[in-house]
Amino acid sequence: MDRPDSTQRAAAPDTDKLDRSVIVTGLVVISGLIMVILDTTIVNVALDTLSGELNAPLSTTQWVVTGYLLAVGMVIPLSGWAMDRFGTKTVWVTSLVLFTAGSVLCALSWSMGSLIAFRIVQGLGGGMLLPGGQTIIARAAGPDRIGRAMALLGVPMLLGPVFGPVIGGALVEYVSWHWIFLVNVPIGILAVTLAVWKLSDGREHLTDGRLDVLGLVLLSGGLVCLLYGLSEASSRGSVADGGVLSWLFAGAVAVALFVGHSLRKGAAAIIDVRLFANRVFASGAAAVFLVAIALFGGLLLMPLYYQTVRLEGPMAAGLLIAPQGLGAMVAMPIAGRLTDRIGAGSIVPFGILLTLIGTLPFTQVGADTSYAWLSIGLFIRGMGIGATMMPTIAASYSRLSHAAMSRATPTISAIQQVGGSLGSALLVMVLSRQITSQFESQGIATSGGGADQLRDLPPELHDRIAPLVASAYGDAFWVAFALTVLIFIPALLLPRRRQPAADS
């Protein structure tokens, strides 16, 4: 019993910090991920401009976002098998090339239909980058340094939503909408060059397993239905609509059928659901799901508050939520180091508490709340998210073998996508209903629902409606607060000390 402990103590100095190769690998992965995450938020800012320039109604233009999201849902389950079959480097570079080529095609679009089609091409490339990047980083770092390594990936994930609106607003306002896509090209070329030059081929993990076609159809189809249903719920401001419910029901049935199929097929399934028998992975996945709900829902509400209540433009709104990204940048390296030393279970509860403290000012938000007070809250909230999100992801992988890693990362990515979409839809629905309730109490007529209702707020009545809308935002942030509290439940099951990884 003494020998393993002494071996770990002897090895500790060598694993006390990330070596140069892991840092280089992380920077290569970040160069690709920052492009994808920035692109998503940049495009969101430009929807109104795209609608006018390409002569399409906003309901059609929304498919620029929805089509991309559905393409991502289609390929995420495929990424694990592809990495095992062709190698992480090959899949990574192919995905980067596909995303960059799709960006060029989007910039050359001549109609809304062509733009939506090319955005789907982008999504087919972008969907495999997040699970691919997590697999590359996790394998390079190993279980003893996974917390610090995953903290590197948190940089683009949290800074993208902050700077995307600023960059997108500047490009749309001062150049043209074509540049929201062309800006990806030099970054994509750089990312491909660095990947070819610096990444190992990962061929030691290759397998000859056949593609689980039935599992791919069930899981990809289920994810697409769920993501589309949640997107429609967000747009309409309700899940009660028959069209929304039918999509959500179909998605749930397909995913349930896949679970049964995966249990029968075992390791040969496109994703092996037996991974959830690992308590640490299961509790980490549950925490990731709840973090995604609270994080992405909140990220949607904050710029909307600044734009609809305070009448700030996209650039200003992006700058005003920048303190959240800065807080995350401060916390993530510290949280990653502590996660490797004392376990995510000791760090994540503290991160949740900080997130709650930082969210509290937004539950009390008004039409003239001090920007300084909100910025302080955002900085604290960012620190909390930085100390919660990446440690939970790192904990999910900490007890898995290298062989299981490539099948675990698409599972976590799918959970993040569904959680983020659910959080956005849920908070927009709460906001929409509260706005309607507030307006009706004052005899103000409303039209539309969801995001369309927010865009259609009558500007001539701003001074009268601003306090009402601000109150509705406060109610929505109370829901975000409650959802954040729920993260404590799976956090209690996360490891509280460093544990050896499973045998590969």
Protein backbone atom coordinates (compact mmCIF):
# COMPACT_ATOMS: atom_id res chain seq x y z
CA MET A 1 0.00 0.00 0.00
CA ASP A 2 2.98 2.37 0.63
CA ARG A 3 4.53 1.90 -2.79
CA PRO A 4 1.86 3.61 -4.92
CA ASP A 5 1.85 6.60 -2.55
CA SER A 6 5.62 6.97 -2.68
CA THR A 7 5.56 6.63 -6.46
CA GLN A 8 2.98 9.40 -6.70
CA ARG A 9 5.02 11.60 -4.37
CA ALA A 10 8.15 11.02 -6.41
CA ALA A 11 6.32 11.87 -9.61
CA ALA A 12 4.68 14.97 -8.20
CA PRO A 13 7.46 17.43 -9.06
CA ASP A 14 7.30 16.37 -12.70
CA THR A 15 3.56 16.93 -12.91
CA ASP A 16 3.37 20.05 -10.74
CA LYS A 17 2.94 22.27 -13.78
CA LEU A 18 2.07 21.92 -17.44
CA ASP A 19 5.10 21.22 -19.57
CA ARG A 20 5.84 23.04 -22.80
CA SER A 21 4.33 20.36 -25.05
CA VAL A 22 0.96 20.47 -23.27
CA ILE A 23 0.88 24.28 -23.37
CA VAL A 24 1.73 24.29 -27.08
CA THR A 25 -0.98 21.70 -27.75
CA GLY A 26 -3.47 23.79 -25.79
CA LEU A 27 -2.61 26.95 -27.75
CA VAL A 28 -3.00 25.08 -31.04
CA VAL A 29 -6.43 23.84 -29.99
CA ILE A 30 -7.44 27.31 -28.75
CA SER A 31 -6.53 28.82 -32.14
CA GLY A 32 -9.20 26.64 -33.74
CA LEU A 33 -11.87 26.87 -31.03
CA ILE A 34 -11.72 30.67 -30.71
CA MET A 35 -12.66 30.96 -34.38
CA VAL A 36 -15.73 28.75 -33.99
CA ILE A 37 -17.00 30.29 -30.76
CA LEU A 38 -16.43 33.87 -31.91
CA ASP A 39 -18.22 33.10 -35.18
CA THR A 40 -21.39 32.00 -33.38
CA THR A 41 -21.76 35.22 -31.40
CA ILE A 42 -20.65 37.43 -34.30
CA VAL A 43 -23.37 36.01 -36.54
CA ASN A 44 -26.05 36.48 -33.86
CA VAL A 45 -25.35 40.23 -33.84
CA ALA A 46 -25.73 40.47 -37.62
CA LEU A 47 -29.13 38.76 -38.07
CA ASP A 48 -31.09 41.97 -38.61
CA THR A 49 -28.53 43.20 -41.15
CA LEU A 50 -28.54 39.87 -43.00
CA SER A 51 -32.33 39.94 -43.13
CA GLY A 52 -32.32 43.37 -44.79
CA GLU A 53 -29.36 42.83 -47.12
CA LEU A 54 -30.61 39.49 -48.45
CA ASN A 55 -34.30 40.48 -48.54
CA ALA A 56 -35.54 37.72 -46.24
CA PRO A 57 -37.96 37.80 -43.29
CA LEU A 58 -36.44 37.46 -39.83
CA SER A 59 -38.15 34.08 -39.37
CA THR A 60 -36.17 32.76 -42.36
CA THR A 61 -32.97 34.52 -41.33
CA GLN A 62 -33.10 32.70 -37.96
CA TRP A 63 -32.20 29.56 -39.90
CA VAL A 64 -28.70 30.98 -40.32
CA VAL A 65 -28.35 30.13 -36.61
CA THR A 66 -30.71 27.15 -36.46
CA GLY A 67 -29.22 25.39 -39.51
CA TYR A 68 -25.74 25.68 -38.04
CA LEU A 69 -26.94 24.39 -34.66
CA LEU A 70 -28.63 21.36 -36.23
CA ALA A 71 -25.52 20.50 -38.28
CA VAL A 72 -23.48 20.59 -35.07
CA GLY A 73 -25.98 18.22 -33.43
CA MET A 74 -25.70 15.82 -36.37
CA VAL A 75 -21.91 15.41 -36.27
CA ILE A 76 -21.13 15.51 -32.54
CA PRO A 77 -21.97 11.79 -32.07
CA LEU A 78 -19.82 10.94 -35.10
CA SER A 79 -16.70 12.63 -33.72
CA GLY A 80 -15.73 9.87 -31.25
CA TRP A 81 -15.82 7.09 -33.88
CA ALA A 82 -14.00 9.33 -36.39
CA MET A 83 -11.18 10.08 -33.94
CA ASP A 84 -10.77 6.38 -33.13
CA ARG A 85 -10.83 5.41 -36.80
CA PHE A 86 -8.73 8.17 -38.42
CA GLY A 87 -6.86 9.83 -35.53
CA THR A 88 -7.45 13.04 -33.60
CA LYS A 89 -5.10 15.11 -35.75
CA THR A 90 -6.74 14.05 -39.01
CA VAL A 91 -10.24 14.78 -37.68
CA TRP A 92 -9.13 18.11 -36.21
CA VAL A 93 -7.49 19.37 -39.39
CA THR A 94 -10.37 18.14 -41.57
CA SER A 95 -12.88 19.92 -39.36
CA LEU A 96 -10.88 23.15 -39.46
CA VAL A 97 -10.63 23.02 -43.26
CA LEU A 98 -14.37 22.34 -43.57
CA PHE A 99 -15.27 25.21 -41.24
CA THR A 100 -12.92 27.64 -42.98
CA ALA A 101 -14.16 26.63 -46.43
CA GLY A 102 -17.73 27.06 -45.20
CA SER A 103 -16.82 30.56 -43.99
CA VAL A 104 -15.56 31.53 -47.44
CA LEU A 105 -18.72 30.18 -49.06
CA CYS A 106 -20.90 32.06 -46.55
CA ALA A 107 -19.13 35.32 -47.44
CA LEU A 108 -19.86 34.64 -51.13
CA SER A 109 -23.56 33.89 -50.56
CA TRP A 110 -25.95 35.46 -53.06
CA SER A 111 -29.23 34.69 -51.27
CA MET A 112 -30.57 33.67 -47.88
CA GLY A 113 -31.01 30.08 -49.08
CA SER A 114 -27.36 29.81 -50.14
CA LEU A 115 -26.19 31.37 -46.86
CA ILE A 116 -28.20 28.87 -44.79
CA ALA A 117 -26.80 25.98 -46.87
CA PHE A 118 -23.23 27.16 -46.38
CA ARG A 119 -23.80 27.68 -42.67
CA ILE A 120 -24.73 24.00 -42.49
CA VAL A 121 -21.35 23.23 -44.10
CA GLN A 122 -19.73 25.34 -41.39
CA GLY A 123 -21.63 23.43 -38.72
CA LEU A 124 -20.47 20.06 -40.04
CA GLY A 125 -16.90 21.23 -39.45
CA GLY A 126 -17.50 23.15 -36.23
CA GLY A 127 -19.43 20.34 -34.54
CA MET A 128 -16.39 18.08 -34.24
CA LEU A 129 -13.97 20.76 -33.03
CA LEU A 130 -15.07 21.01 -29.38
CA PRO A 131 -15.05 17.24 -28.66
CA GLY A 132 -11.88 16.91 -30.74
CA GLY A 133 -10.16 19.70 -28.82
CA GLN A 134 -11.14 18.23 -25.45
CA THR A 135 -9.85 14.80 -26.47
CA ILE A 136 -6.52 16.21 -27.69
CA ILE A 137 -6.00 18.24 -24.51
CA ALA A 138 -7.08 15.46 -22.13
CA ARG A 139 -4.76 12.89 -23.73
CA ALA A 140 -1.82 15.31 -23.82
CA ALA A 141 -2.16 16.37 -20.19
CA GLY A 142 -3.06 13.09 -18.51
CA PRO A 143 -5.25 12.73 -15.40
CA ASP A 144 -2.87 14.50 -13.00
CA ARG A 145 -2.91 17.77 -14.98
CA ILE A 146 -6.30 17.69 -16.64
CA GLY A 147 -7.74 20.50 -14.53
CA ARG A 148 -5.07 22.99 -15.58
CA ALA A 149 -5.19 21.79 -19.18
CA MET A 150 -8.96 22.14 -19.41
CA ALA A 151 -8.66 25.66 -18.00
CA LEU A 152 -6.91 26.56 -21.28
CA LEU A 153 -10.02 25.53 -23.22
CA GLY A 154 -12.18 27.72 -21.02
CA VAL A 155 -10.57 30.86 -22.45
CA PRO A 156 -12.29 30.81 -25.88
CA MET A 157 -15.51 29.37 -24.43
CA LEU A 158 -15.98 32.33 -22.07
CA LEU A 159 -14.32 35.15 -24.04
CA GLY A 160 -16.08 34.35 -27.33
CA PRO A 161 -19.53 35.50 -26.14
CA VAL A 162 -17.92 38.66 -24.70
CA PHE A 163 -15.93 39.86 -27.70
CA GLY A 164 -18.09 38.35 -30.45
CA PRO A 165 -20.76 41.07 -30.24
CA VAL A 166 -18.08 43.78 -30.21
CA ILE A 167 -16.31 42.42 -33.30
CA GLY A 168 -19.57 41.59 -35.07
CA GLY A 169 -21.03 45.01 -34.34
CA ALA A 170 -17.92 46.77 -35.65
CA LEU A 171 -17.77 44.70 -38.84
CA VAL A 172 -21.47 45.14 -39.63
CA GLU A 173 -21.47 48.85 -38.79
CA TYR A 174 -18.21 49.93 -40.41
CA VAL A 175 -17.42 47.34 -43.12
CA SER A 176 -20.01 44.85 -44.42
CA TRP A 177 -21.75 41.65 -43.36
CA HIS A 178 -19.44 39.58 -45.62
CA TRP A 179 -16.58 40.22 -43.20
CA ILE A 180 -18.28 38.46 -40.31
CA PHE A 181 -17.36 35.30 -42.22
CA LEU A 182 -14.16 36.40 -43.97
CA VAL A 183 -12.60 37.23 -40.59
CA ASN A 184 -12.49 33.46 -39.96
CA VAL A 185 -10.27 32.74 -42.96
CA PRO A 186 -6.85 33.98 -41.69
CA ILE A 187 -7.56 32.44 -38.27
CA GLY A 188 -8.52 29.15 -39.93
CA ILE A 189 -5.38 29.09 -42.07
CA LEU A 190 -3.25 29.78 -38.98
CA ALA A 191 -5.06 27.07 -36.99
CA VAL A 192 -4.58 24.47 -39.74
CA THR A 193 -0.89 25.37 -40.12
CA LEU A 194 -0.23 25.09 -36.39
CA ALA A 195 -2.14 21.80 -36.16
CA VAL A 196 -0.20 20.20 -39.03
CA TRP A 197 3.06 21.44 -37.55
CA LYS A 198 2.60 20.82 -33.83
CA LEU A 199 -0.04 18.16 -33.12
CA SER A 200 0.86 14.50 -32.76
CA ASP A 201 -1.10 12.16 -35.03
CA GLY A 202 -2.56 10.17 -32.10
CA ARG A 203 -2.31 6.94 -34.10
CA GLU A 204 -1.52 4.93 -30.98
CA HIS A 205 -5.23 5.12 -30.15
CA LEU A 206 -6.57 4.03 -33.55
CA THR A 207 -9.09 1.20 -33.81
CA ASP A 208 -10.72 -0.60 -36.72
CA GLY A 209 -14.22 -0.53 -35.28
CA ARG A 210 -17.14 -0.35 -37.72
CA LEU A 211 -19.41 2.66 -37.68
CA ASP A 212 -22.55 2.10 -35.60
CA VAL A 213 -24.94 3.41 -38.26
CA LEU A 214 -28.15 2.69 -36.34
CA GLY A 215 -26.80 4.34 -33.21
CA LEU A 216 -25.64 7.36 -35.24
CA VAL A 217 -29.09 7.75 -36.84
CA LEU A 218 -30.89 7.47 -33.49
CA LEU A 219 -28.60 9.76 -31.51
CA SER A 220 -27.96 12.37 -34.20
CA GLY A 221 -31.66 12.39 -35.10
CA GLY A 222 -32.61 12.73 -31.45
CA LEU A 223 -30.19 15.61 -30.86
CA VAL A 224 -31.38 17.42 -33.98
CA CYS A 225 -35.02 17.11 -32.89
CA LEU A 226 -34.26 18.28 -29.36
CA LEU A 227 -32.13 21.23 -30.50
CA TYR A 228 -34.68 22.28 -33.10
CA GLY A 229 -37.54 22.01 -30.62
CA LEU A 230 -35.65 24.11 -28.07
CA SER A 231 -34.74 26.66 -30.74
CA GLU A 232 -38.41 26.97 -31.71
CA ALA A 233 -39.41 27.24 -28.05
CA SER A 234 -36.97 30.13 -27.65
CA SER A 235 -38.28 31.88 -30.78
CA ARG A 236 -41.96 31.45 -29.87
CA GLY A 237 -41.57 31.99 -26.17
CA SER A 238 -43.48 28.81 -25.29
CA VAL A 239 -43.22 25.02 -25.25
CA ALA A 240 -47.00 24.63 -25.32
CA ASP A 241 -47.12 24.99 -29.10
CA GLY A 242 -47.85 21.64 -30.75
CA GLY A 243 -44.98 22.04 -33.20
CA VAL A 244 -42.49 22.53 -30.37
CA LEU A 245 -43.79 19.64 -28.27
CA SER A 246 -43.78 17.21 -31.19
CA TRP A 247 -40.11 17.92 -31.92
CA LEU A 248 -39.13 17.59 -28.27
CA PHE A 249 -41.10 14.36 -27.91
CA ALA A 250 -39.55 12.88 -31.06
CA GLY A 251 -36.09 13.81 -29.82
CA ALA A 252 -36.68 12.28 -26.40
CA VAL A 253 -37.98 9.03 -27.95
CA ALA A 254 -35.00 8.78 -30.32
CA VAL A 255 -32.51 9.34 -27.48
CA ALA A 256 -34.31 6.75 -25.31
CA LEU A 257 -34.16 4.22 -28.16
CA PHE A 258 -30.46 4.97 -28.55
CA VAL A 259 -29.83 4.30 -24.85
CA GLY A 260 -31.37 0.84 -25.21
CA HIS A 261 -29.41 0.22 -28.41
CA SER A 262 -26.14 1.33 -26.77
CA LEU A 263 -26.66 -0.92 -23.75
CA ARG A 264 -27.08 -3.88 -26.10
CA LYS A 265 -24.14 -3.00 -28.33
CA GLY A 266 -21.75 -1.98 -25.55
CA ALA A 267 -18.35 -0.60 -26.55
CA ALA A 268 -19.20 -0.95 -30.25
CA ALA A 269 -21.93 1.73 -29.97
CA ILE A 270 -21.29 5.21 -31.38
CA ILE A 271 -21.33 6.38 -27.74
CA ASP A 272 -21.16 3.86 -24.92
CA VAL A 273 -23.75 4.88 -22.31
CA ARG A 274 -22.12 2.50 -19.85
CA LEU A 275 -19.70 5.38 -19.23
CA PHE A 276 -22.40 6.72 -16.90
CA ALA A 277 -21.81 3.76 -14.60
CA ASN A 278 -18.67 5.65 -13.59
CA ARG A 279 -19.94 7.81 -10.72
CA VAL A 280 -17.42 10.59 -11.30
CA PHE A 281 -18.22 10.82 -15.02
CA ALA A 282 -21.98 10.74 -14.37
CA SER A 283 -21.87 13.44 -11.67
CA GLY A 284 -19.51 15.55 -13.80
CA ALA A 285 -21.82 15.23 -16.82
CA ALA A 286 -24.83 16.26 -14.71
CA ALA A 287 -22.92 19.28 -13.41
CA VAL A 288 -21.83 20.21 -16.96
CA PHE A 289 -25.48 20.07 -18.08
CA LEU A 290 -26.66 22.38 -15.29
CA VAL A 291 -23.70 24.75 -15.75
CA ALA A 292 -24.51 25.00 -19.47
CA ILE A 293 -28.15 25.84 -18.70
CA ALA A 294 -27.22 28.61 -16.25
CA LEU A 295 -24.22 29.94 -18.20
CA PHE A 296 -25.62 30.17 -21.72
CA GLY A 297 -29.04 31.32 -20.58
CA GLY A 298 -27.42 34.12 -18.59
CA LEU A 299 -25.11 35.03 -21.46
CA LEU A 300 -28.18 35.54 -23.63
CA LEU A 301 -30.05 37.72 -21.12
CA MET A 302 -27.22 40.10 -20.20
CA PRO A 303 -26.57 41.71 -23.61
CA LEU A 304 -30.34 41.74 -24.25
CA TYR A 305 -30.87 43.74 -21.05
CA TYR A 306 -28.27 46.30 -22.05
CA GLN A 307 -29.73 46.60 -25.56
CA THR A 308 -33.48 46.58 -24.82
CA VAL A 309 -33.60 48.39 -21.48
CA ARG A 310 -30.52 50.64 -21.62
CA LEU A 311 -30.61 51.10 -25.43
CA GLU A 312 -26.94 50.23 -25.88
CA GLY A 313 -25.65 49.05 -29.24
CA PRO A 314 -24.11 45.59 -29.82
CA MET A 315 -20.54 46.86 -29.39
CA ALA A 316 -21.30 48.65 -26.13
CA ALA A 317 -23.30 45.68 -24.82
CA GLY A 318 -20.36 43.39 -25.56
CA LEU A 319 -17.96 45.67 -23.70
CA LEU A 320 -20.34 45.94 -20.75
CA ILE A 321 -20.36 42.15 -20.25
CA ALA A 322 -16.56 41.93 -20.68
CA PRO A 323 -15.98 41.91 -16.87
CA GLN A 324 -17.48 38.41 -16.78
CA GLY A 325 -14.80 37.15 -19.17
CA LEU A 326 -12.08 38.94 -17.21
CA GLY A 327 -13.28 37.33 -13.99
CA ALA A 328 -13.18 33.92 -15.62
CA MET A 329 -9.65 34.56 -16.87
CA VAL A 330 -8.53 35.31 -13.32
CA ALA A 331 -10.21 32.26 -11.78
CA MET A 332 -9.65 29.50 -14.34
CA PRO A 333 -5.86 29.02 -13.97
CA ILE A 334 -6.17 28.99 -10.17
CA ALA A 335 -9.17 26.63 -10.24
CA GLY A 336 -7.42 24.32 -12.69
CA ARG A 337 -4.34 24.06 -10.51
CA LEU A 338 -6.38 23.45 -7.37
CA THR A 339 -8.57 20.87 -9.15
CA ASP A 340 -5.47 18.81 -9.93
CA ARG A 341 -4.25 19.07 -6.35
CA ILE A 342 -7.36 18.68 -4.17
CA GLY A 343 -10.12 17.58 -6.57
CA ALA A 344 -13.01 19.32 -8.30
CA GLY A 345 -15.37 18.52 -5.43
CA SER A 346 -13.51 21.00 -3.23
CA ILE A 347 -13.45 23.76 -5.86
CA VAL A 348 -16.80 23.62 -7.66
CA PRO A 349 -19.03 24.43 -4.61
CA PHE A 350 -16.97 27.57 -4.03
CA GLY A 351 -17.34 28.46 -7.72
CA ILE A 352 -21.12 27.96 -7.52
CA LEU A 353 -21.27 30.28 -4.51
CA LEU A 354 -19.35 33.00 -6.37
CA THR A 355 -21.65 32.58 -9.37
CA LEU A 356 -24.69 33.05 -7.14
CA ILE A 357 -23.22 36.17 -5.54
CA GLY A 358 -22.42 37.61 -8.98
CA THR A 359 -25.91 36.82 -10.32
CA LEU A 360 -27.70 38.42 -7.37
CA PRO A 361 -27.35 42.07 -8.60
CA PHE A 362 -29.12 41.11 -11.83
CA THR A 363 -32.10 39.74 -9.92
CA GLN A 364 -32.56 43.30 -8.58
CA VAL A 365 -31.86 45.05 -11.87
CA GLY A 366 -33.77 48.21 -12.78
CA ALA A 367 -33.96 50.68 -15.63
CA ASP A 368 -31.11 52.79 -14.23
CA THR A 369 -29.03 50.36 -12.16
CA SER A 370 -25.42 51.48 -11.84
CA TYR A 371 -23.16 50.06 -14.57
CA ALA A 372 -20.33 49.90 -12.01
CA TRP A 373 -22.45 47.75 -9.66
CA LEU A 374 -23.43 45.41 -12.50
CA SER A 375 -19.82 45.19 -13.70
CA ILE A 376 -18.66 44.16 -10.23
CA GLY A 377 -21.38 41.51 -10.18
CA LEU A 378 -20.32 40.27 -13.63
CA PHE A 379 -16.67 40.04 -12.58
CA ILE A 380 -17.59 37.95 -9.53
CA ARG A 381 -19.97 35.84 -11.65
CA GLY A 382 -17.18 35.26 -14.17
CA MET A 383 -14.85 34.10 -11.42
CA GLY A 384 -17.54 31.69 -10.24
CA ILE A 385 -18.15 30.29 -13.72
CA GLY A 386 -14.40 29.95 -14.28
CA ALA A 387 -14.13 27.97 -11.05
CA THR A 388 -17.14 25.80 -11.93
CA MET A 389 -17.30 25.02 -15.66
CA MET A 390 -13.87 23.66 -16.54
CA PRO A 391 -13.29 21.80 -13.22
CA THR A 392 -16.56 19.89 -13.80
CA ILE A 393 -15.45 18.94 -17.32
CA ALA A 394 -12.01 17.95 -16.06
CA ALA A 395 -13.57 15.83 -13.31
CA SER A 396 -15.73 14.03 -15.88
CA TYR A 397 -12.61 12.77 -17.66
CA SER A 398 -10.38 12.23 -14.62
CA ARG A 399 -11.29 8.57 -14.06
CA LEU A 400 -11.49 7.48 -17.71
CA SER A 401 -8.91 5.54 -19.68
CA HIS A 402 -7.30 7.02 -22.80
CA ALA A 403 -9.33 4.57 -24.89
CA ALA A 404 -12.62 5.83 -23.45
CA MET A 405 -11.72 9.51 -23.86
CA SER A 406 -12.70 9.86 -27.52
CA ARG A 407 -16.20 8.47 -26.82
CA ALA A 408 -16.64 10.54 -23.64
CA THR A 409 -15.90 13.93 -25.22
CA PRO A 410 -18.80 13.89 -27.72
CA THR A 411 -21.07 12.87 -24.83
CA ILE A 412 -20.03 15.94 -22.85
CA SER A 413 -20.26 18.15 -25.96
CA ALA A 414 -23.80 16.93 -26.71
CA ILE A 415 -24.79 17.54 -23.10
CA GLN A 416 -23.36 21.08 -23.30
CA GLN A 417 -25.25 21.81 -26.53
CA VAL A 418 -28.58 20.58 -25.21
CA GLY A 419 -28.05 22.26 -21.84
CA GLY A 420 -27.13 25.58 -23.46
CA SER A 421 -30.15 25.45 -25.78
CA LEU A 422 -32.44 24.49 -22.90
CA GLY A 423 -31.12 27.33 -20.74
CA SER A 424 -31.57 29.89 -23.52
CA ALA A 425 -35.10 28.67 -24.33
CA LEU A 426 -36.16 28.50 -20.68
CA LEU A 427 -34.95 31.97 -19.72
CA VAL A 428 -36.31 33.58 -22.90
CA MET A 429 -39.70 31.99 -22.19
CA VAL A 430 -39.67 33.30 -18.61
CA LEU A 431 -38.61 36.74 -19.83
CA SER A 432 -41.24 36.80 -22.59
CA ARG A 433 -44.06 35.81 -20.25
CA GLN A 434 -43.01 38.31 -17.61
CA ILE A 435 -42.84 41.11 -20.17
CA THR A 436 -46.32 40.20 -21.41
CA SER A 437 -47.63 40.12 -17.83
CA GLN A 438 -46.05 43.47 -16.99
CA PHE A 439 -47.39 45.10 -20.15
CA GLU A 440 -50.90 43.75 -19.68
CA SER A 441 -50.98 45.14 -16.14
CA GLN A 442 -50.33 48.58 -17.64
CA GLY A 443 -52.68 48.18 -20.61
CA ILE A 444 -49.88 48.02 -23.18
CA ALA A 445 -50.55 45.77 -26.19
CA THR A 446 -47.91 43.20 -27.18
CA SER A 447 -47.30 41.19 -30.31
CA GLY A 448 -45.16 38.19 -31.14
CA GLY A 449 -43.33 36.06 -28.65
CA GLY A 450 -39.87 35.05 -27.56
CA ALA A 451 -37.01 36.85 -29.27
CA ASP A 452 -39.33 38.57 -31.77
CA GLN A 453 -41.24 40.19 -28.91
CA LEU A 454 -38.01 41.63 -27.53
CA ARG A 455 -37.09 43.12 -30.89
CA ASP A 456 -40.55 44.66 -31.35
CA LEU A 457 -40.65 46.69 -28.13
CA PRO A 458 -42.02 50.13 -29.14
CA PRO A 459 -39.17 52.71 -28.84
CA GLU A 460 -41.54 55.67 -28.41
CA LEU A 461 -42.74 54.14 -25.14
CA HIS A 462 -39.27 53.38 -23.83
CA ASP A 463 -39.35 55.62 -20.74
CA ARG A 464 -42.64 54.03 -19.68
CA ILE A 465 -41.80 50.42 -20.43
CA ALA A 466 -38.13 50.34 -19.40
CA PRO A 467 -38.88 49.75 -15.66
CA LEU A 468 -41.40 47.03 -16.60
CA VAL A 469 -38.96 45.25 -18.90
CA ALA A 470 -36.18 45.56 -16.32
CA SER A 471 -38.45 43.93 -13.73
CA ALA A 472 -39.07 41.05 -16.17
CA TYR A 473 -35.30 40.61 -16.57
CA GLY A 474 -34.97 40.48 -12.79
CA ASP A 475 -37.54 37.66 -12.64
CA ALA A 476 -35.70 35.74 -15.38
CA PHE A 477 -32.41 36.10 -13.50
CA TRP A 478 -34.07 34.66 -10.39
CA VAL A 479 -34.71 31.53 -12.48
CA ALA A 480 -31.04 31.52 -13.52
CA PHE A 481 -30.15 31.88 -9.83
CA ALA A 482 -32.30 28.86 -8.92
CA LEU A 483 -30.80 26.77 -11.72
CA THR A 484 -27.32 27.62 -10.46
CA VAL A 485 -28.26 26.41 -6.97
CA LEU A 486 -29.12 23.00 -8.46
CA ILE A 487 -25.47 22.52 -9.49
CA PHE A 488 -24.67 21.90 -5.81
CA ILE A 489 -26.37 18.47 -6.07
CA PRO A 490 -23.99 16.77 -8.57
CA ALA A 491 -21.08 18.84 -7.21
CA LEU A 492 -21.34 16.93 -3.93
CA LEU A 493 -20.44 13.73 -5.81
CA LEU A 494 -17.31 15.11 -7.50
CA PRO A 495 -13.93 13.84 -6.21
CA ARG A 496 -12.38 15.81 -3.34
CA ARG A 497 -8.85 14.60 -3.82
CA ARG A 498 -6.62 13.55 -6.66
CA GLN A 499 -7.43 10.05 -7.81
CA PRO A 500 -5.50 7.76 -10.13
CA ALA A 501 -6.91 7.36 -13.63
CA ALA A 502 -8.40 4.13 -14.83
CA ASP A 503 -6.08 1.75 -16.58
CA SER A 504 -5.86 2.30 -20.31
